[in-house]
Amino acid sequence: MAIKRLLTEFGMGSSLRRCDYTEAAVRAVKDALWHNSINIAELFGKEKTEMLVDVQIGVQKPKSINVSTVSKIFPYGKITVRVIHGGLDIPRAKGNPTVIANAAISVALDLGIPQ
């Protein structure tokens, strides 16, 4: 296989009051997707189902992310979600902190050409 990364897109999402890390991650992924219409597979004569979609999310509490919920955003492709320490928790005078998640989405295809 000759896997080639063809695009990377970035996004940011937040949970203002509920301290919901999964919702912040979902919003970050959607933000990244809304920057782009990912039709790269068609440009190379491939099916969208062949896309290898690598999602990396950074939040302060990585274990708080429901990876399955994030994966369900994508209607096609082979999805891999990795959650790492990153993002921001911004303290507030009262209540939960504001949670900020960062997302990077990379799309690759097997183009069958030597590396």
Foldseek 3Di string as FASTA:
>chain_A
DAKDWDDKFKFKAKDAAPPQPQRRLLRGVVRRCVVDPPPVQVVLVHDQQQKAKEKEKAWQDQVRHDVVVSVVVDPHYHYDYHYDHDFDFADDPDHGTMIMMMMMMIIIGCNVDDD
